[in-house]
PDB file of N, CA and C in Angstrom:
ATOM      1  N   MET A   1     -21.211  89.507 -56.048  1.00  0.00           N
ATOM      2  CA  MET A   1     -21.954  90.298 -57.001  1.00  0.00           C
ATOM      3  C   MET A   1     -21.619  89.911 -58.436  1.00  0.00           C
ATOM      4  N   GLU A   2     -20.359  89.598 -58.693  1.00  0.00           N
ATOM      5  CA  GLU A   2     -19.954  89.233 -60.045  1.00  0.00           C
ATOM      6  C   GLU A   2     -20.614  87.927 -60.489  1.00  0.00           C
ATOM      7  N   THR A   3     -20.785  86.988 -59.563  1.00  0.00           N
ATOM      8  CA  THR A   3     -21.386  85.716 -59.953  1.00  0.00           C
ATOM      9  C   THR A   3     -22.841  85.897 -60.361  1.00  0.00           C
ATOM     10  N   VAL A   4     -23.536  86.851 -59.760  1.00  0.00           N
ATOM     11  CA  VAL A   4     -24.917  87.116 -60.147  1.00  0.00           C
ATOM     12  C   VAL A   4     -24.955  87.676 -61.564  1.00  0.00           C
ATOM     13  N   LYS A   5     -24.041  88.586 -61.883  1.00  0.00           N
ATOM     14  CA  LYS A   5     -23.981  89.132 -63.240  1.00  0.00           C
ATOM     15  C   LYS A   5     -23.613  88.058 -64.247  1.00  0.00           C
ATOM     16  N   GLN A   6     -22.672  87.201 -63.877  1.00  0.00           N
ATOM     17  CA  GLN A   6     -22.273  86.115 -64.770  1.00  0.00           C
ATOM     18  C   GLN A   6     -23.435  85.143 -64.959  1.00  0.00           C
ATOM     19  N   GLY A   7     -24.167  84.879 -63.884  1.00  0.00           N
ATOM     20  CA  GLY A   7     -25.319  83.982 -63.976  1.00  0.00           C
ATOM     21  C   GLY A   7     -26.401  84.550 -64.871  1.00  0.00           C
ATOM     22  N   THR A   8     -26.630  85.853 -64.772  1.00  0.00           N
ATOM     23  CA  THR A   8     -27.627  86.496 -65.618  1.00  0.00           C
ATOM     24  C   THR A   8     -27.203  86.435 -67.084  1.00  0.00           C
ATOM     25  N   THR A   9     -25.941  86.658 -67.338  1.00  0.00           N
ATOM     26  CA  THR A   9     -25.433  86.585 -68.711  1.00  0.00           C
ATOM     27  C   THR A   9     -25.561  85.170 -69.260  1.00  0.00           C
ATOM     28  N   LEU A  10     -25.199  84.186 -68.451  1.00  0.00           N
ATOM     29  CA  LEU A  10     -25.312  82.788 -68.869  1.00  0.00           C
ATOM     30  C   LEU A  10     -26.766  82.418 -69.131  1.00  0.00           C
ATOM     31  N   PHE A  11     -27.651  82.823 -68.237  1.00  0.00           N
ATOM     32  CA  PHE A  11     -29.079  82.538 -68.371  1.00  0.00           C
ATOM     33  C   PHE A  11     -29.620  83.145 -69.665  1.00  0.00           C
ATOM     34  N   THR A  12     -29.260  84.394 -69.947  1.00  0.00           N
ATOM     35  CA  THR A  12     -29.725  85.071 -71.155  1.00  0.00           C
ATOM     36  C   THR A  12     -29.189  84.389 -72.407  1.00  0.00           C
ATOM     37  N   ALA A  13     -27.920  84.028 -72.391  1.00  0.00           N
ATOM     38  CA  ALA A  13     -27.319  83.372 -73.556  1.00  0.00           C
ATOM     39  C   ALA A  13     -27.981  82.028 -73.837  1.00  0.00           C
ATOM     40  N   ILE A  14     -28.255  81.273 -72.795  1.00  0.00           N
ATOM     41  CA  ILE A  14     -28.911  79.972 -72.988  1.00  0.00           C
ATOM     42  C   ILE A  14     -30.335  80.158 -73.504  1.00  0.00           C
ATOM     43  N   CYS A  15     -31.037  81.169 -72.992  1.00  0.00           N
ATOM     44  CA  CYS A  15     -32.393  81.434 -73.481  1.00  0.00           C
ATOM     45  C   CYS A  15     -32.391  81.823 -74.961  1.00  0.00           C
ATOM     46  N   VAL A  16     -31.420  82.617 -75.383  1.00  0.00           N
ATOM     47  CA  VAL A  16     -31.299  82.981 -76.795  1.00  0.00           C
ATOM     48  C   VAL A  16     -30.996  81.742 -77.632  1.00  0.00           C
ATOM     49  N   LEU A  17     -30.121  80.880 -77.138  1.00  0.00           N
ATOM     50  CA  LEU A  17     -29.801  79.645 -77.852  1.00  0.00           C
ATOM     51  C   LEU A  17     -31.029  78.750 -77.976  1.00  0.00           C
ATOM     52  N   ILE A  18     -31.796  78.639 -76.913  1.00  0.00           N
ATOM     53  CA  ILE A  18     -33.024  77.836 -76.957  1.00  0.00           C
ATOM     54  C   ILE A  18     -33.996  78.410 -77.977  1.00  0.00           C
ATOM     55  N   GLY A  19     -34.169  79.720 -77.969  1.00  0.00           N
ATOM     56  CA  GLY A  19     -35.062  80.357 -78.939  1.00  0.00           C
ATOM     57  C   GLY A  19     -34.613  80.118 -80.370  1.00  0.00           C
ATOM     58  N   THR A  20     -33.313  80.201 -80.616  1.00  0.00           N
ATOM     59  CA  THR A  20     -32.777  79.950 -81.956  1.00  0.00           C
ATOM     60  C   THR A  20     -33.014  78.509 -82.386  1.00  0.00           C
ATOM     61  N   LEU A  21     -32.788  77.576 -81.476  1.00  0.00           N
ATOM     62  CA  LEU A  21     -33.002  76.166 -81.807  1.00  0.00           C
ATOM     63  C   LEU A  21     -34.475  75.857 -82.057  1.00  0.00           C
ATOM     64  N   VAL A  22     -35.367  76.532 -81.344  1.00  0.00           N
ATOM     65  CA  VAL A  22     -36.798  76.338 -81.575  1.00  0.00           C
ATOM     66  C   VAL A  22     -37.182  76.849 -82.963  1.00  0.00           C
ATOM     67  N   VAL A  23     -36.643  77.992 -83.358  1.00  0.00           N
ATOM     68  CA  VAL A  23     -36.927  78.515 -84.704  1.00  0.00           C
ATOM     69  C   VAL A  23     -36.401  77.559 -85.772  1.00  0.00           C
ATOM     70  N   ILE A  24     -35.195  77.024 -85.560  1.00  0.00           N
ATOM     71  CA  ILE A  24     -34.643  76.047 -86.512  1.00  0.00           C
ATOM     72  C   ILE A  24     -35.521  74.813 -86.576  1.00  0.00           C
ATOM     73  N   GLN A  25     -36.009  74.376 -85.427  1.00  0.00           N
ATOM     74  CA  GLN A  25     -36.864  73.191 -85.398  1.00  0.00           C
ATOM     75  C   GLN A  25     -38.190  73.452 -86.116  1.00  0.00           C
ATOM     76  N   LEU A  26     -38.752  74.636 -85.941  1.00  0.00           N
ATOM     77  CA  LEU A  26     -39.986  74.974 -86.658  1.00  0.00           C
ATOM     78  C   LEU A  26     -39.742  75.031 -88.168  1.00  0.00           C
ATOM     79  N   TRP A  27     -38.605  75.581 -88.570  1.00  0.00           N
ATOM     80  CA  TRP A  27     -38.268  75.608 -89.984  1.00  0.00           C
ATOM     81  C   TRP A  27     -38.126  74.182 -90.516  1.00  0.00           C
ATOM     82  N   LEU A  28     -37.522  73.317 -89.738  1.00  0.00           N
ATOM     83  CA  LEU A  28     -37.325  71.928 -90.145  1.00  0.00           C
ATOM     84  C   LEU A  28     -38.670  71.213 -90.320  1.00  0.00           C
ATOM     85  N   VAL A  29     -39.596  71.459 -89.427  1.00  0.00           N
ATOM     86  CA  VAL A  29     -40.925  70.850 -89.543  1.00  0.00           C
ATOM     87  C   VAL A  29     -41.646  71.376 -90.783  1.00  0.00           C
ATOM     88  N   ALA A  30     -41.539  72.678 -91.028  1.00  0.00           N
ATOM     89  CA  ALA A  30     -42.170  73.251 -92.217  1.00  0.00           C
ATOM     90  C   ALA A  30     -41.566  72.685 -93.496  1.00  0.00           C
ATOM     91  N   ALA A  31     -40.243  72.525 -93.536  1.00  0.00           N
ATOM     92  CA  ALA A  31     -39.580  71.956 -94.710  1.00  0.00           C
ATOM     93  C   ALA A  31     -39.985  70.493 -94.908  1.00  0.00           C
ATOM     94  N   ALA A  32     -40.104  69.757 -93.816  1.00  0.00           N
ATOM     95  CA  ALA A  32     -40.512  68.354 -93.915  1.00  0.00           C
ATOM     96  C   ALA A  32     -41.950  68.241 -94.408  1.00  0.00           C
ATOM     97  N   LEU A  33     -42.821  69.115 -93.937  1.00  0.00           N
ATOM     98  CA  LEU A  33     -44.211  69.105 -94.390  1.00  0.00           C
ATOM     99  C   LEU A  33     -44.296  69.469 -95.867  1.00  0.00           C
ATOM    100  N   ASP A  34     -43.495  70.443 -96.283  1.00  0.00           N
ATOM    101  CA  ASP A  34     -43.464  70.818 -97.689  1.00  0.00           C
ATOM    102  C   ASP A  34     -42.970  69.654 -98.549  1.00  0.00           C
ATOM    103  N   ALA A  35     -41.957  68.940 -98.070  1.00  0.00           N
ATOM    104  CA  ALA A  35     -41.455  67.778 -98.804  1.00  0.00           C
ATOM    105  C   ALA A  35     -42.501  66.673 -98.865  1.00  0.00           C
ATOM    106  N   LEU A  36     -43.210  66.483 -97.774  1.00  0.00           N
ATOM    107  CA  LEU A  36     -44.255  65.457 -97.749  1.00  0.00           C
ATOM    108  C   LEU A  36     -45.362  65.781 -98.739  1.00  0.00           C
ATOM    109  N   LEU A  37     -45.792  67.031 -98.747  1.00  0.00           N
ATOM    110  CA  LEU A  37     -46.839  67.428 -99.680  1.00  0.00           C
ATOM    111  C   LEU A  37     -46.348  67.418-101.122  1.00  0.00           C
ATOM    112  N   GLY A  38     -45.045  67.546-101.334  1.00  0.00           N
ATOM    113  CA  GLY A  38     -44.466  67.482-102.671  1.00  0.00           C
ATOM    114  C   GLY A  38     -44.153  66.068-103.128  1.00  0.00           C
ATOM    115  N   GLY A  39     -44.386  65.094-102.277  1.00  0.00           N
ATOM    116  CA  GLY A  39     -44.168  63.702-102.648  1.00  0.00           C
ATOM    117  C   GLY A  39     -42.739  63.219-102.459  1.00  0.00           C
ATOM    118  N   GLN A  40     -41.927  63.952-101.719  1.00  0.00           N
ATOM    119  CA  GLN A  40     -40.539  63.557-101.487  1.00  0.00           C
ATOM    120  C   GLN A  40     -40.429  62.951-100.085  1.00  0.00           C
ATOM    121  N   SER A  41     -40.682  61.681 -99.981  1.00  0.00           N
ATOM    122  CA  SER A  41     -40.713  61.043 -98.664  1.00  0.00           C
ATOM    123  C   SER A  41     -39.329  60.690 -98.134  1.00  0.00           C
ATOM    124  N   GLY A  42     -38.290  60.792 -98.948  1.00  0.00           N
ATOM    125  CA  GLY A  42     -36.938  60.460 -98.510  1.00  0.00           C
ATOM    126  C   GLY A  42     -36.369  61.460 -97.514  1.00  0.00           C
ATOM    127  N   VAL A  43     -36.962  62.629 -97.410  1.00  0.00           N
ATOM    128  CA  VAL A  43     -36.474  63.674 -96.522  1.00  0.00           C
ATOM    129  C   VAL A  43     -37.044  63.518 -95.114  1.00  0.00           C
ATOM    130  N   LEU A  44     -38.107  62.777 -94.977  1.00  0.00           N
ATOM    131  CA  LEU A  44     -38.855  62.750 -93.720  1.00  0.00           C
ATOM    132  C   LEU A  44     -38.094  62.109 -92.567  1.00  0.00           C
ATOM    133  N   VAL A  45     -37.424  61.005 -92.818  1.00  0.00           N
ATOM    134  CA  VAL A  45     -36.706  60.326 -91.730  1.00  0.00           C
ATOM    135  C   VAL A  45     -35.532  61.167 -91.222  1.00  0.00           C
ATOM    136  N   PRO A  46     -34.672  61.718 -92.094  1.00  0.00           N
ATOM    137  CA  PRO A  46     -33.607  62.581 -91.573  1.00  0.00           C
ATOM    138  C   PRO A  46     -34.151  63.820 -90.861  1.00  0.00           C
ATOM    139  N   ALA A  47     -35.256  64.374 -91.354  1.00  0.00           N
ATOM    140  CA  ALA A  47     -35.852  65.537 -90.700  1.00  0.00           C
ATOM    141  C   ALA A  47     -36.377  65.172 -89.320  1.00  0.00           C
ATOM    142  N   ALA A  48     -36.977  64.003 -89.201  1.00  0.00           N
ATOM    143  CA  ALA A  48     -37.475  63.558 -87.904  1.00  0.00           C
ATOM    144  C   ALA A  48     -36.326  63.313 -86.929  1.00  0.00           C
ATOM    145  N   ILE A  49     -35.246  62.728 -87.405  1.00  0.00           N
ATOM    146  CA  ILE A  49     -34.083  62.484 -86.546  1.00  0.00           C
ATOM    147  C   ILE A  49     -33.480  63.801 -86.074  1.00  0.00           C
ATOM    148  N   ALA A  50     -33.344  64.754 -86.991  1.00  0.00           N
ATOM    149  CA  ALA A  50     -32.797  66.061 -86.621  1.00  0.00           C
ATOM    150  C   ALA A  50     -33.723  66.783 -85.649  1.00  0.00           C
ATOM    151  N   SER A  51     -35.021  66.657 -85.833  1.00  0.00           N
ATOM    152  CA  SER A  51     -35.977  67.299 -84.944  1.00  0.00           C
ATOM    153  C   SER A  51     -35.918  66.705 -83.541  1.00  0.00           C
ATOM    154  N   VAL A  52     -35.774  65.398 -83.447  1.00  0.00           N
ATOM    155  CA  VAL A  52     -35.649  64.744 -82.144  1.00  0.00           C
ATOM    156  C   VAL A  52     -34.340  65.157 -81.464  1.00  0.00           C
ATOM    157  N   ALA A  53     -33.277  65.284 -82.256  1.00  0.00           N
ATOM    158  CA  ALA A  53     -31.992  65.727 -81.692  1.00  0.00           C
ATOM    159  C   ALA A  53     -32.106  67.149 -81.142  1.00  0.00           C
ATOM    160  N   LEU A  54     -32.763  68.047 -81.881  1.00  0.00           N
ATOM    161  CA  LEU A  54     -32.964  69.413 -81.403  1.00  0.00           C
ATOM    162  C   LEU A  54     -33.844  69.438 -80.159  1.00  0.00           C
ATOM    163  N   LEU A  55     -34.837  68.567 -80.127  1.00  0.00           N
ATOM    164  CA  LEU A  55     -35.692  68.470 -78.939  1.00  0.00           C
ATOM    165  C   LEU A  55     -34.879  68.042 -77.720  1.00  0.00           C
ATOM    166  N   ALA A  56     -33.994  67.086 -77.908  1.00  0.00           N
ATOM    167  CA  ALA A  56     -33.151  66.625 -76.796  1.00  0.00           C
ATOM    168  C   ALA A  56     -32.207  67.725 -76.320  1.00  0.00           C
ATOM    169  N   ILE A  57     -31.634  68.462 -77.256  1.00  0.00           N
ATOM    170  CA  ILE A  57     -30.737  69.568 -76.884  1.00  0.00           C
ATOM    171  C   ILE A  57     -31.508  70.638 -76.116  1.00  0.00           C
ATOM    172  N   ASN A  58     -32.679  71.011 -76.624  1.00  0.00           N
ATOM    173  CA  ASN A  58     -33.496  72.016 -75.935  1.00  0.00           C
ATOM    174  C   ASN A  58     -33.922  71.526 -74.557  1.00  0.00           C
ATOM    175  N   GLY A  59     -34.290  70.278 -74.457  1.00  0.00           N
ATOM    176  CA  GLY A  59     -34.666  69.726 -73.157  1.00  0.00           C
ATOM    177  C   GLY A  59     -33.514  69.767 -72.168  1.00  0.00           C
ATOM    178  N   GLY A  60     -32.328  69.412 -72.645  1.00  0.00           N
ATOM    179  CA  GLY A  60     -31.150  69.469 -71.782  1.00  0.00           C
ATOM    180  C   GLY A  60     -30.828  70.885 -71.335  1.00  0.00           C
ATOM    181  N   LEU A  61     -30.935  71.844 -72.247  1.00  0.00           N
ATOM    182  CA  LEU A  61     -30.683  73.245 -71.885  1.00  0.00           C
ATOM    183  C   LEU A  61     -31.725  73.764 -70.893  1.00  0.00           C
ATOM    184  N   LEU A  62     -32.973  73.397 -71.099  1.00  0.00           N
ATOM    185  CA  LEU A  62     -34.016  73.822 -70.156  1.00  0.00           C
ATOM    186  C   LEU A  62     -33.801  73.204 -68.776  1.00  0.00           C
ATOM    187  N   LEU A  63     -33.415  71.946 -68.748  1.00  0.00           N
ATOM    188  CA  LEU A  63     -33.118  71.294 -67.481  1.00  0.00           C
ATOM    189  C   LEU A  63     -31.948  71.976 -66.784  1.00  0.00           C
ATOM    190  N   TYR A  64     -30.929  72.352 -67.552  1.00  0.00           N
ATOM    191  CA  TYR A  64     -29.786  73.058 -66.982  1.00  0.00           C
ATOM    192  C   TYR A  64     -30.217  74.397 -66.391  1.00  0.00           C
ATOM    193  N   ILE A  65     -31.081  75.123 -67.084  1.00  0.00           N
ATOM    194  CA  ILE A  65     -31.549  76.418 -66.580  1.00  0.00           C
ATOM    195  C   ILE A  65     -32.345  76.243 -65.292  1.00  0.00           C
ATOM    196  N   ILE A  66     -33.195  75.237 -65.251  1.00  0.00           N
ATOM    197  CA  ILE A  66     -33.995  75.002 -64.043  1.00  0.00           C
ATOM    198  C   ILE A  66     -33.095  74.662 -62.863  1.00  0.00           C
ATOM    199  N   ARG A  67     -32.117  73.789 -63.085  1.00  0.00           N
ATOM    200  CA  ARG A  67     -31.185  73.430 -61.998  1.00  0.00           C
ATOM    201  C   ARG A  67     -30.320  74.612 -61.587  1.00  0.00           C
ATOM    202  N   PHE A  68     -29.906  75.424 -62.548  1.00  0.00           N
ATOM    203  CA  PHE A  68     -29.111  76.611 -62.253  1.00  0.00           C
ATOM    204  C   PHE A  68     -29.919  77.591 -61.397  1.00  0.00           C
ATOM    205  N   ASP A  69     -31.181  77.787 -61.755  1.00  0.00           N
ATOM    206  CA  ASP A  69     -32.035  78.691 -60.990  1.00  0.00           C
ATOM    207  C   ASP A  69     -32.237  78.174 -59.566  1.00  0.00           C
ATOM    208  N   GLU A  70     -32.451  76.874 -59.422  1.00  0.00           N
ATOM    209  CA  GLU A  70     -32.599  76.300 -58.078  1.00  0.00           C
ATOM    210  C   GLU A  70     -31.329  76.480 -57.257  1.00  0.00           C
ATOM    211  N   ARG A  71     -30.178  76.306 -57.897  1.00  0.00           N
ATOM    212  CA  ARG A  71     -28.902  76.462 -57.192  1.00  0.00           C
ATOM    213  C   ARG A  71     -28.685  77.910 -56.758  1.00  0.00           C
ATOM    214  N   VAL A  72     -29.049  78.863 -57.613  1.00  0.00           N
ATOM    215  CA  VAL A  72     -28.902  80.278 -57.258  1.00  0.00           C
ATOM    216  C   VAL A  72     -29.838  80.634 -56.105  1.00  0.00           C
ATOM    217  N   ARG A  73     -31.063  80.140 -56.148  1.00  0.00           N
ATOM    218  CA  ARG A  73     -32.017  80.432 -55.076  1.00  0.00           C
ATOM    219  C   ARG A  73     -31.575  79.807 -53.767  1.00  0.00           C
ATOM    220  N   ARG A  74     -31.010  78.602 -53.826  1.00  0.00           N
ATOM    221  CA  ARG A  74     -30.557  77.930 -52.609  1.00  0.00           C
ATOM    222  C   ARG A  74     -29.369  78.658 -51.989  1.00  0.00           C
ATOM    223  N   LEU A  75     -28.492  79.195 -52.809  1.00  0.00           N
ATOM    224  CA  LEU A  75     -27.312  79.876 -52.298  1.00  0.00           C
ATOM    225  C   LEU A  75     -27.595  81.333 -51.941  1.00  0.00           C
ATOM    226  N   GLY A  76     -28.825  81.757 -52.070  1.00  0.00           N
ATOM    227  CA  GLY A  76     -29.174  83.125 -51.707  1.00  0.00           C
ATOM    228  C   GLY A  76     -28.859  84.117 -52.787  1.00  0.00           C
ATOM    229  N   GLY A  77     -29.543  83.972 -53.912  1.00  0.00           N
ATOM    230  CA  GLY A  77     -29.322  84.851 -55.052  1.00  0.00           C
ATOM    231  C   GLY A  77     -29.780  86.271 -54.778  1.00  0.00           C
ATOM    232  N   PRO A  78     -30.017  87.040 -55.801  1.00  0.00           N
ATOM    233  CA  PRO A  78     -30.309  88.453 -55.647  1.00  0.00           C
ATOM    234  C   PRO A  78     -31.602  88.742 -54.899  1.00  0.00           C
ATOM    235  N   ASN A  79     -32.581  87.839 -54.971  1.00  0.00           N
ATOM    236  CA  ASN A  79     -33.865  88.077 -54.296  1.00  0.00           C
ATOM    237  C   ASN A  79     -34.099  87.154 -53.126  1.00  0.00           C
ATOM    238  N   GLY A  80     -33.168  86.304 -52.799  1.00  0.00           N
ATOM    239  CA  GLY A  80     -33.466  85.355 -51.741  1.00  0.00           C
ATOM    240  C   GLY A  80     -32.327  85.105 -50.909  1.00  0.00           C
TER     241      GLY A  80
END
């Protein structure tokens, strides 16, 4: 029973982290667009690199959640 509670807590924490990283990524895109429209092209490459890094982190976290869910279902989680 404790592992199910721990799994739920871990799942929730990762989802909150993913949501936070998505908001940061959206802010980064908005800042890059503002810089582009302002004629400051020197910001675009670092912003693109940071955005790709955030995308990779989010992808890895989502993959971890999917594998975690499959593992819980295979081991007979709360509903299976």
